[in-house]
Amino acid sequence: MIKHIVMWKLRDKADAVEIKTRLEALNGKIPGLIKIEVGIDFLASEQSADVVLYSELESRAALEAYQAHPEHQAVVPLIKGAAIARTLVDYEV
């Protein structure tokens, strides 16, 4: 299983709700995507990311398929337009 975690710092924190809604809507639409969870930071400290994506995928191949899937690609422009920084980690368990 692969865990895929991404954190974004946003230009406008008001975009966080739409990003959360759009990413969570991917649940059940992409083969190999086991779980998806999106959180919005409430501390708003200088060190905090604004939005975090936690997802579990069946395999590395499933991660590649998720990233290329049209449903995921439809959300990418929203996030790229809203984010000023991104940090991610992918690991296998």
PDB file of N, CA and C in Angstrom:
ATOM      1  N   MET A   1       0.849  -1.177   0.000  1.00  0.00           N
ATOM      2  CA  MET A   1       0.000   0.000   0.000  1.00  0.00           C
ATOM      3  C   MET A   1       0.897   1.242   0.000  1.00  0.00           C
ATOM      4  N   ILE A   2       0.435   2.271  -0.681  1.00  0.00           N
ATOM      5  CA  ILE A   2       1.128   3.552  -0.769  1.00  0.00           C
ATOM      6  C   ILE A   2       0.339   4.597   0.010  1.00  0.00           C
ATOM      7  N   LYS A   3       1.056   5.389   0.780  1.00  0.00           N
ATOM      8  CA  LYS A   3       0.455   6.557   1.427  1.00  0.00           C
ATOM      9  C   LYS A   3       0.997   7.781   0.704  1.00  0.00           C
ATOM     10  N   HIS A   4       0.080   8.632   0.275  1.00  0.00           N
ATOM     11  CA  HIS A   4       0.387   9.829  -0.515  1.00  0.00           C
ATOM     12  C   HIS A   4      -0.136  11.022   0.278  1.00  0.00           C
ATOM     13  N   ILE A   5       0.789  11.873   0.735  1.00  0.00           N
ATOM     14  CA  ILE A   5       0.429  13.012   1.578  1.00  0.00           C
ATOM     15  C   ILE A   5       0.963  14.285   0.932  1.00  0.00           C
ATOM     16  N   VAL A   6       0.083  15.265   0.769  1.00  0.00           N
ATOM     17  CA  VAL A   6       0.458  16.534   0.145  1.00  0.00           C
ATOM     18  C   VAL A   6      -0.052  17.671   1.028  1.00  0.00           C
ATOM     19  N   MET A   7       0.787  18.687   1.221  1.00  0.00           N
ATOM     20  CA  MET A   7       0.391  19.874   1.984  1.00  0.00           C
ATOM     21  C   MET A   7       0.605  21.107   1.123  1.00  0.00           C
ATOM     22  N   TRP A   8      -0.365  22.016   1.166  1.00  0.00           N
ATOM     23  CA  TRP A   8      -0.280  23.250   0.389  1.00  0.00           C
ATOM     24  C   TRP A   8      -0.408  24.466   1.290  1.00  0.00           C
ATOM     25  N   LYS A   9       0.339  25.492   0.955  1.00  0.00           N
ATOM     26  CA  LYS A   9       0.167  26.836   1.514  1.00  0.00           C
ATOM     27  C   LYS A   9      -0.553  27.615   0.419  1.00  0.00           C
ATOM     28  N   LEU A  10      -1.632  28.313   0.757  1.00  0.00           N
ATOM     29  CA  LEU A  10      -2.478  28.979  -0.235  1.00  0.00           C
ATOM     30  C   LEU A  10      -2.298  30.490  -0.227  1.00  0.00           C
ATOM     31  N   ARG A  11      -2.511  31.092  -1.396  1.00  0.00           N
ATOM     32  CA  ARG A  11      -2.521  32.557  -1.503  1.00  0.00           C
ATOM     33  C   ARG A  11      -3.688  33.124  -0.697  1.00  0.00           C
ATOM     34  N   ASP A  12      -4.858  32.519  -0.905  1.00  0.00           N
ATOM     35  CA  ASP A  12      -6.091  32.965  -0.259  1.00  0.00           C
ATOM     36  C   ASP A  12      -6.704  31.768   0.456  1.00  0.00           C
ATOM     37  N   LYS A  13      -6.748  31.838   1.764  1.00  0.00           N
ATOM     38  CA  LYS A  13      -7.233  30.707   2.562  1.00  0.00           C
ATOM     39  C   LYS A  13      -8.695  30.371   2.268  1.00  0.00           C
ATOM     40  N   ALA A  14      -9.422  31.296   1.659  1.00  0.00           N
ATOM     41  CA  ALA A  14     -10.816  31.040   1.296  1.00  0.00           C
ATOM     42  C   ALA A  14     -10.933  29.922   0.265  1.00  0.00           C
ATOM     43  N   ASP A  15      -9.865  29.649  -0.491  1.00  0.00           N
ATOM     44  CA  ASP A  15      -9.882  28.571  -1.485  1.00  0.00           C
ATOM     45  C   ASP A  15      -9.829  27.185  -0.852  1.00  0.00           C
ATOM     46  N   ALA A  16      -9.495  27.101   0.429  1.00  0.00           N
ATOM     47  CA  ALA A  16      -9.319  25.810   1.092  1.00  0.00           C
ATOM     48  C   ALA A  16     -10.580  24.956   1.048  1.00  0.00           C
ATOM     49  N   VAL A  17     -11.733  25.550   1.242  1.00  0.00           N
ATOM     50  CA  VAL A  17     -12.982  24.785   1.275  1.00  0.00           C
ATOM     51  C   VAL A  17     -13.271  24.162  -0.087  1.00  0.00           C
ATOM     52  N   GLU A  18     -13.089  24.918  -1.165  1.00  0.00           N
ATOM     53  CA  GLU A  18     -13.336  24.360  -2.496  1.00  0.00           C
ATOM     54  C   GLU A  18     -12.336  23.255  -2.817  1.00  0.00           C
ATOM     55  N   ILE A  19     -11.084  23.440  -2.453  1.00  0.00           N
ATOM     56  CA  ILE A  19     -10.076  22.405  -2.688  1.00  0.00           C
ATOM     57  C   ILE A  19     -10.457  21.136  -1.933  1.00  0.00           C
ATOM     58  N   LYS A  20     -10.830  21.268  -0.681  1.00  0.00           N
ATOM     59  CA  LYS A  20     -11.248  20.115   0.128  1.00  0.00           C
ATOM     60  C   LYS A  20     -12.433  19.403  -0.522  1.00  0.00           C
ATOM     61  N   THR A  21     -13.429  20.154  -0.916  1.00  0.00           N
ATOM     62  CA  THR A  21     -14.629  19.577  -1.525  1.00  0.00           C
ATOM     63  C   THR A  21     -14.297  18.832  -2.809  1.00  0.00           C
ATOM     64  N   ARG A  22     -13.503  19.456  -3.667  1.00  0.00           N
ATOM     65  CA  ARG A  22     -13.170  18.849  -4.965  1.00  0.00           C
ATOM     66  C   ARG A  22     -12.310  17.598  -4.796  1.00  0.00           C
ATOM     67  N   LEU A  23     -11.341  17.639  -3.882  1.00  0.00           N
ATOM     68  CA  LEU A  23     -10.498  16.458  -3.674  1.00  0.00           C
ATOM     69  C   LEU A  23     -11.286  15.317  -3.044  1.00  0.00           C
ATOM     70  N   GLU A  24     -12.106  15.610  -2.060  1.00  0.00           N
ATOM     71  CA  GLU A  24     -12.892  14.553  -1.419  1.00  0.00           C
ATOM     72  C   GLU A  24     -13.903  13.944  -2.377  1.00  0.00           C
ATOM     73  N   ALA A  25     -14.310  14.688  -3.394  1.00  0.00           N
ATOM     74  CA  ALA A  25     -15.240  14.166  -4.403  1.00  0.00           C
ATOM     75  C   ALA A  25     -14.596  13.078  -5.260  1.00  0.00           C
ATOM     76  N   LEU A  26     -13.269  12.933  -5.200  1.00  0.00           N
ATOM     77  CA  LEU A  26     -12.584  11.880  -5.954  1.00  0.00           C
ATOM     78  C   LEU A  26     -12.815  10.504  -5.340  1.00  0.00           C
ATOM     79  N   ASN A  27     -13.248  10.466  -4.090  1.00  0.00           N
ATOM     80  CA  ASN A  27     -13.474   9.197  -3.406  1.00  0.00           C
ATOM     81  C   ASN A  27     -14.455   8.321  -4.188  1.00  0.00           C
ATOM     82  N   GLY A  28     -14.029   7.091  -4.482  1.00  0.00           N
ATOM     83  CA  GLY A  28     -14.878   6.147  -5.199  1.00  0.00           C
ATOM     84  C   GLY A  28     -14.863   6.297  -6.707  1.00  0.00           C
ATOM     85  N   LYS A  29     -14.129   7.271  -7.228  1.00  0.00           N
ATOM     86  CA  LYS A  29     -14.119   7.517  -8.673  1.00  0.00           C
ATOM     87  C   LYS A  29     -12.852   7.035  -9.366  1.00  0.00           C
ATOM     88  N   ILE A  30     -11.813   6.737  -8.604  1.00  0.00           N
ATOM     89  CA  ILE A  30     -10.526   6.378  -9.199  1.00  0.00           C
ATOM     90  C   ILE A  30     -10.121   4.991  -8.716  1.00  0.00           C
ATOM     91  N   PRO A  31      -9.990   4.041  -9.634  1.00  0.00           N
ATOM     92  CA  PRO A  31      -9.582   2.689  -9.243  1.00  0.00           C
ATOM     93  C   PRO A  31      -8.232   2.712  -8.524  1.00  0.00           C
ATOM     94  N   GLY A  32      -8.132   1.931  -7.465  1.00  0.00           N
ATOM     95  CA  GLY A  32      -6.891   1.840  -6.708  1.00  0.00           C
ATOM     96  C   GLY A  32      -6.767   2.854  -5.586  1.00  0.00           C
ATOM     97  N   LEU A  33      -7.651   3.850  -5.559  1.00  0.00           N
ATOM     98  CA  LEU A  33      -7.667   4.838  -4.478  1.00  0.00           C
ATOM     99  C   LEU A  33      -8.510   4.263  -3.342  1.00  0.00           C
ATOM    100  N   ILE A  34      -7.852   3.899  -2.252  1.00  0.00           N
ATOM    101  CA  ILE A  34      -8.519   3.246  -1.131  1.00  0.00           C
ATOM    102  C   ILE A  34      -9.191   4.264  -0.214  1.00  0.00           C
ATOM    103  N   LYS A  35      -8.471   5.328   0.085  1.00  0.00           N
ATOM    104  CA  LYS A  35      -8.963   6.319   1.054  1.00  0.00           C
ATOM    105  C   LYS A  35      -8.439   7.687   0.668  1.00  0.00           C
ATOM    106  N   ILE A  36      -9.270   8.697   0.880  1.00  0.00           N
ATOM    107  CA  ILE A  36      -8.827  10.079   0.683  1.00  0.00           C
ATOM    108  C   ILE A  36      -9.436  10.922   1.797  1.00  0.00           C
ATOM    109  N   GLU A  37      -8.589  11.744   2.398  1.00  0.00           N
ATOM    110  CA  GLU A  37      -9.012  12.608   3.496  1.00  0.00           C
ATOM    111  C   GLU A  37      -8.330  13.956   3.294  1.00  0.00           C
ATOM    112  N   VAL A  38      -9.075  15.027   3.467  1.00  0.00           N
ATOM    113  CA  VAL A  38      -8.521  16.368   3.286  1.00  0.00           C
ATOM    114  C   VAL A  38      -8.833  17.186   4.535  1.00  0.00           C
ATOM    115  N   GLY A  39      -7.805  17.833   5.071  1.00  0.00           N
ATOM    116  CA  GLY A  39      -7.980  18.654   6.262  1.00  0.00           C
ATOM    117  C   GLY A  39      -7.583  20.095   5.997  1.00  0.00           C
ATOM    118  N   ILE A  40      -8.252  20.998   6.696  1.00  0.00           N
ATOM    119  CA  ILE A  40      -7.950  22.429   6.620  1.00  0.00           C
ATOM    120  C   ILE A  40      -7.380  22.849   7.976  1.00  0.00           C
ATOM    121  N   ASP A  41      -6.223  23.481   7.953  1.00  0.00           N
ATOM    122  CA  ASP A  41      -5.543  23.906   9.172  1.00  0.00           C
ATOM    123  C   ASP A  41      -6.368  24.949   9.924  1.00  0.00           C
ATOM    124  N   PHE A  42      -6.403  24.827  11.249  1.00  0.00           N
ATOM    125  CA  PHE A  42      -7.128  25.815  12.046  1.00  0.00           C
ATOM    126  C   PHE A  42      -6.206  26.719  12.861  1.00  0.00           C
ATOM    127  N   LEU A  43      -4.909  26.383  12.960  1.00  0.00           N
ATOM    128  CA  LEU A  43      -3.994  27.213  13.736  1.00  0.00           C
ATOM    129  C   LEU A  43      -3.559  28.477  13.006  1.00  0.00           C
ATOM    130  N   ALA A  44      -3.351  28.338  11.710  1.00  0.00           N
ATOM    131  CA  ALA A  44      -2.908  29.463  10.878  1.00  0.00           C
ATOM    132  C   ALA A  44      -1.603  30.072  11.382  1.00  0.00           C
ATOM    133  N   SER A  45      -0.697  29.225  11.844  1.00  0.00           N
ATOM    134  CA  SER A  45       0.620  29.724  12.247  1.00  0.00           C
ATOM    135  C   SER A  45       1.492  29.901  11.005  1.00  0.00           C
ATOM    136  N   GLU A  46       2.577  30.601  11.156  1.00  0.00           N
ATOM    137  CA  GLU A  46       3.486  30.845  10.034  1.00  0.00           C
ATOM    138  C   GLU A  46       4.029  29.534   9.464  1.00  0.00           C
ATOM    139  N   GLN A  47       4.222  28.531  10.312  1.00  0.00           N
ATOM    140  CA  GLN A  47       4.770  27.253   9.880  1.00  0.00           C
ATOM    141  C   GLN A  47       3.722  26.309   9.296  1.00  0.00           C
ATOM    142  N   SER A  48       2.458  26.589   9.490  1.00  0.00           N
ATOM    143  CA  SER A  48       1.386  25.683   9.070  1.00  0.00           C
ATOM    144  C   SER A  48       1.160  25.699   7.571  1.00  0.00           C
ATOM    145  N   ALA A  49       0.852  24.524   7.035  1.00  0.00           N
ATOM    146  CA  ALA A  49       0.255  24.452   5.706  1.00  0.00           C
ATOM    147  C   ALA A  49      -1.225  24.774   5.888  1.00  0.00           C
ATOM    148  N   ASP A  50      -1.893  25.155   4.821  1.00  0.00           N
ATOM    149  CA  ASP A  50      -3.315  25.499   4.910  1.00  0.00           C
ATOM    150  C   ASP A  50      -4.223  24.304   4.660  1.00  0.00           C
ATOM    151  N   VAL A  51      -3.790  23.403   3.778  1.00  0.00           N
ATOM    152  CA  VAL A  51      -4.587  22.229   3.409  1.00  0.00           C
ATOM    153  C   VAL A  51      -3.663  21.023   3.353  1.00  0.00           C
ATOM    154  N   VAL A  52      -4.154  19.880   3.815  1.00  0.00           N
ATOM    155  CA  VAL A  52      -3.400  18.632   3.710  1.00  0.00           C
ATOM    156  C   VAL A  52      -4.284  17.561   3.075  1.00  0.00           C
ATOM    157  N   LEU A  53      -3.684  16.801   2.184  1.00  0.00           N
ATOM    158  CA  LEU A  53      -4.333  15.645   1.562  1.00  0.00           C
ATOM    159  C   LEU A  53      -3.640  14.401   2.084  1.00  0.00           C
ATOM    160  N   TYR A  54      -4.414  13.473   2.629  1.00  0.00           N
ATOM    161  CA  TYR A  54      -3.901  12.169   3.043  1.00  0.00           C
ATOM    162  C   TYR A  54      -4.656  11.137   2.224  1.00  0.00           C
ATOM    163  N   SER A  55      -3.923  10.301   1.507  1.00  0.00           N
ATOM    164  CA  SER A  55      -4.596   9.267   0.725  1.00  0.00           C
ATOM    165  C   SER A  55      -3.829   7.962   0.794  1.00  0.00           C
ATOM    166  N   GLU A  56      -4.566   6.875   0.602  1.00  0.00           N
ATOM    167  CA  GLU A  56      -3.997   5.536   0.553  1.00  0.00           C
ATOM    168  C   GLU A  56      -4.360   4.929  -0.790  1.00  0.00           C
ATOM    169  N   LEU A  57      -3.356   4.338  -1.426  1.00  0.00           N
ATOM    170  CA  LEU A  57      -3.558   3.712  -2.732  1.00  0.00           C
ATOM    171  C   LEU A  57      -3.018   2.290  -2.689  1.00  0.00           C
ATOM    172  N   GLU A  58      -3.545   1.452  -3.557  1.00  0.00           N
ATOM    173  CA  GLU A  58      -3.195   0.033  -3.542  1.00  0.00           C
ATOM    174  C   GLU A  58      -1.724  -0.236  -3.854  1.00  0.00           C
ATOM    175  N   SER A  59      -1.122   0.555  -4.729  1.00  0.00           N
ATOM    176  CA  SER A  59       0.230   0.255  -5.208  1.00  0.00           C
ATOM    177  C   SER A  59       0.845   1.494  -5.854  1.00  0.00           C
ATOM    178  N   ARG A  60       2.108   1.373  -6.225  1.00  0.00           N
ATOM    179  CA  ARG A  60       2.758   2.461  -6.961  1.00  0.00           C
ATOM    180  C   ARG A  60       2.066   2.691  -8.299  1.00  0.00           C
ATOM    181  N   ALA A  61       1.666   1.612  -8.946  1.00  0.00           N
ATOM    182  CA  ALA A  61       0.944   1.742 -10.221  1.00  0.00           C
ATOM    183  C   ALA A  61      -0.378   2.478 -10.012  1.00  0.00           C
ATOM    184  N   ALA A  62      -1.052   2.212  -8.891  1.00  0.00           N
ATOM    185  CA  ALA A  62      -2.310   2.904  -8.590  1.00  0.00           C
ATOM    186  C   ALA A  62      -2.063   4.394  -8.355  1.00  0.00           C
ATOM    187  N   LEU A  63      -0.934   4.747  -7.726  1.00  0.00           N
ATOM    188  CA  LEU A  63      -0.583   6.159  -7.529  1.00  0.00           C
ATOM    189  C   LEU A  63      -0.375   6.848  -8.873  1.00  0.00           C
ATOM    190  N   GLU A  64       0.355   6.196  -9.768  1.00  0.00           N
ATOM    191  CA  GLU A  64       0.576   6.765 -11.104  1.00  0.00           C
ATOM    192  C   GLU A  64      -0.744   6.930 -11.851  1.00  0.00           C
ATOM    193  N   ALA A  65      -1.624   5.937 -11.739  1.00  0.00           N
ATOM    194  CA  ALA A  65      -2.923   6.009 -12.410  1.00  0.00           C
ATOM    195  C   ALA A  65      -3.785   7.123 -11.810  1.00  0.00           C
ATOM    196  N   TYR A  66      -3.735   7.275 -10.494  1.00  0.00           N
ATOM    197  CA  TYR A  66      -4.467   8.344  -9.803  1.00  0.00           C
ATOM    198  C   TYR A  66      -4.012   9.713 -10.306  1.00  0.00           C
ATOM    199  N   GLN A  67      -2.698   9.899 -10.395  1.00  0.00           N
ATOM    200  CA  GLN A  67      -2.168  11.195 -10.811  1.00  0.00           C
ATOM    201  C   GLN A  67      -2.543  11.538 -12.246  1.00  0.00           C
ATOM    202  N   ALA A  68      -2.672  10.534 -13.093  1.00  0.00           N
ATOM    203  CA  ALA A  68      -3.007  10.763 -14.501  1.00  0.00           C
ATOM    204  C   ALA A  68      -4.511  10.741 -14.772  1.00  0.00           C
ATOM    205  N   HIS A  69      -5.300  10.285 -13.820  1.00  0.00           N
ATOM    206  CA  HIS A  69      -6.744  10.114 -14.023  1.00  0.00           C
ATOM    207  C   HIS A  69      -7.415  11.462 -14.334  1.00  0.00           C
ATOM    208  N   PRO A  70      -8.332  11.490 -15.298  1.00  0.00           N
ATOM    209  CA  PRO A  70      -9.012  12.748 -15.671  1.00  0.00           C
ATOM    210  C   PRO A  70      -9.731  13.445 -14.510  1.00  0.00           C
ATOM    211  N   GLU A  71     -10.301  12.681 -13.586  1.00  0.00           N
ATOM    212  CA  GLU A  71     -10.985  13.297 -12.432  1.00  0.00           C
ATOM    213  C   GLU A  71      -9.974  14.054 -11.559  1.00  0.00           C
ATOM    214  N   HIS A  72      -8.796  13.472 -11.368  1.00  0.00           N
ATOM    215  CA  HIS A  72      -7.743  14.145 -10.601  1.00  0.00           C
ATOM    216  C   HIS A  72      -7.200  15.335 -11.380  1.00  0.00           C
ATOM    217  N   GLN A  73      -6.950  15.138 -12.652  1.00  0.00           N
ATOM    218  CA  GLN A  73      -6.414  16.218 -13.488  1.00  0.00           C
ATOM    219  C   GLN A  73      -7.355  17.421 -13.542  1.00  0.00           C
ATOM    220  N   ALA A  74      -8.647  17.197 -13.379  1.00  0.00           N
ATOM    221  CA  ALA A  74      -9.616  18.298 -13.391  1.00  0.00           C
ATOM    222  C   ALA A  74      -9.467  19.209 -12.168  1.00  0.00           C
ATOM    223  N   VAL A  75      -8.909  18.687 -11.076  1.00  0.00           N
ATOM    224  CA  VAL A  75      -8.727  19.469  -9.850  1.00  0.00           C
ATOM    225  C   VAL A  75      -7.381  20.209  -9.850  1.00  0.00           C
ATOM    226  N   VAL A  76      -6.428  19.717 -10.612  1.00  0.00           N
ATOM    227  CA  VAL A  76      -5.066  20.264 -10.611  1.00  0.00           C
ATOM    228  C   VAL A  76      -5.019  21.770 -10.899  1.00  0.00           C
ATOM    229  N   PRO A  77      -5.710  22.290 -11.913  1.00  0.00           N
ATOM    230  CA  PRO A  77      -5.628  23.740 -12.176  1.00  0.00           C
ATOM    231  C   PRO A  77      -6.109  24.597 -10.998  1.00  0.00           C
ATOM    232  N   LEU A  78      -7.139  24.145 -10.308  1.00  0.00           N
ATOM    233  CA  LEU A  78      -7.631  24.870  -9.132  1.00  0.00           C
ATOM    234  C   LEU A  78      -6.530  24.971  -8.082  1.00  0.00           C
ATOM    235  N   ILE A  79      -5.884  23.849  -7.802  1.00  0.00           N
ATOM    236  CA  ILE A  79      -4.856  23.830  -6.764  1.00  0.00           C
ATOM    237  C   ILE A  79      -3.626  24.620  -7.202  1.00  0.00           C
ATOM    238  N   LYS A  80      -3.188  24.426  -8.433  1.00  0.00           N
ATOM    239  CA  LYS A  80      -2.011  25.162  -8.917  1.00  0.00           C
ATOM    240  C   LYS A  80      -2.243  26.666  -8.882  1.00  0.00           C
ATOM    241  N   GLY A  81      -3.464  27.090  -9.179  1.00  0.00           N
ATOM    242  CA  GLY A  81      -3.783  28.513  -9.150  1.00  0.00           C
ATOM    243  C   GLY A  81      -3.868  29.084  -7.749  1.00  0.00           C
ATOM    244  N   ALA A  82      -4.190  28.232  -6.778  1.00  0.00           N
ATOM    245  CA  ALA A  82      -4.389  28.695  -5.405  1.00  0.00           C
ATOM    246  C   ALA A  82      -3.139  28.573  -4.537  1.00  0.00           C
ATOM    247  N   ALA A  83      -2.266  27.627  -4.858  1.00  0.00           N
ATOM    248  CA  ALA A  83      -1.131  27.314  -3.984  1.00  0.00           C
ATOM    249  C   ALA A  83       0.083  28.197  -4.258  1.00  0.00           C
ATOM    250  N   ILE A  84       0.764  28.552  -3.182  1.00  0.00           N
ATOM    251  CA  ILE A  84       2.048  29.242  -3.314  1.00  0.00           C
ATOM    252  C   ILE A  84       3.201  28.306  -2.947  1.00  0.00           C
ATOM    253  N   ALA A  85       2.887  27.201  -2.274  1.00  0.00           N
ATOM    254  CA  ALA A  85       3.914  26.215  -1.919  1.00  0.00           C
ATOM    255  C   ALA A  85       3.252  24.854  -1.754  1.00  0.00           C
ATOM    256  N   ARG A  86       4.047  23.811  -2.041  1.00  0.00           N
ATOM    257  CA  ARG A  86       3.552  22.438  -1.921  1.00  0.00           C
ATOM    258  C   ARG A  86       4.676  21.572  -1.364  1.00  0.00           C
ATOM    259  N   THR A  87       4.317  20.702  -0.444  1.00  0.00           N
ATOM    260  CA  THR A  87       5.232  19.705   0.098  1.00  0.00           C
ATOM    261  C   THR A  87       4.516  18.371   0.024  1.00  0.00           C
ATOM    262  N   LEU A  88       5.248  17.317  -0.358  1.00  0.00           N
ATOM    263  CA  LEU A  88       4.593  16.018  -0.439  1.00  0.00           C
ATOM    264  C   LEU A  88       5.532  14.908  -0.042  1.00  0.00           C
ATOM    265  N   VAL A  89       4.930  13.792   0.310  1.00  0.00           N
ATOM    266  CA  VAL A  89       5.672  12.569   0.591  1.00  0.00           C
ATOM    267  C   VAL A  89       4.820  11.392   0.131  1.00  0.00           C
ATOM    268  N   ASP A  90       5.487  10.422  -0.480  1.00  0.00           N
ATOM    269  CA  ASP A  90       4.865   9.162  -0.873  1.00  0.00           C
ATOM    270  C   ASP A  90       5.713   8.058  -0.254  1.00  0.00           C
ATOM    271  N   TYR A  91       5.063   7.142   0.449  1.00  0.00           N
ATOM    272  CA  TYR A  91       5.825   6.031   1.014  1.00  0.00           C
ATOM    273  C   TYR A  91       4.996   4.758   0.987  1.00  0.00           C
ATOM    274  N   GLU A  92       5.722   3.649   1.064  1.00  0.00           N
ATOM    275  CA  GLU A  92       5.100   2.335   0.956  1.00  0.00           C
ATOM    276  C   GLU A  92       5.066   1.680   2.335  1.00  0.00           C
ATOM    277  N   VAL A  93       3.945   1.053   2.648  1.00  0.00           N
ATOM    278  CA  VAL A  93       3.825   0.322   3.919  1.00  0.00           C
ATOM    279  C   VAL A  93       3.452  -1.118   3.659  1.00  0.00           C
TER     280      VAL A  93
END
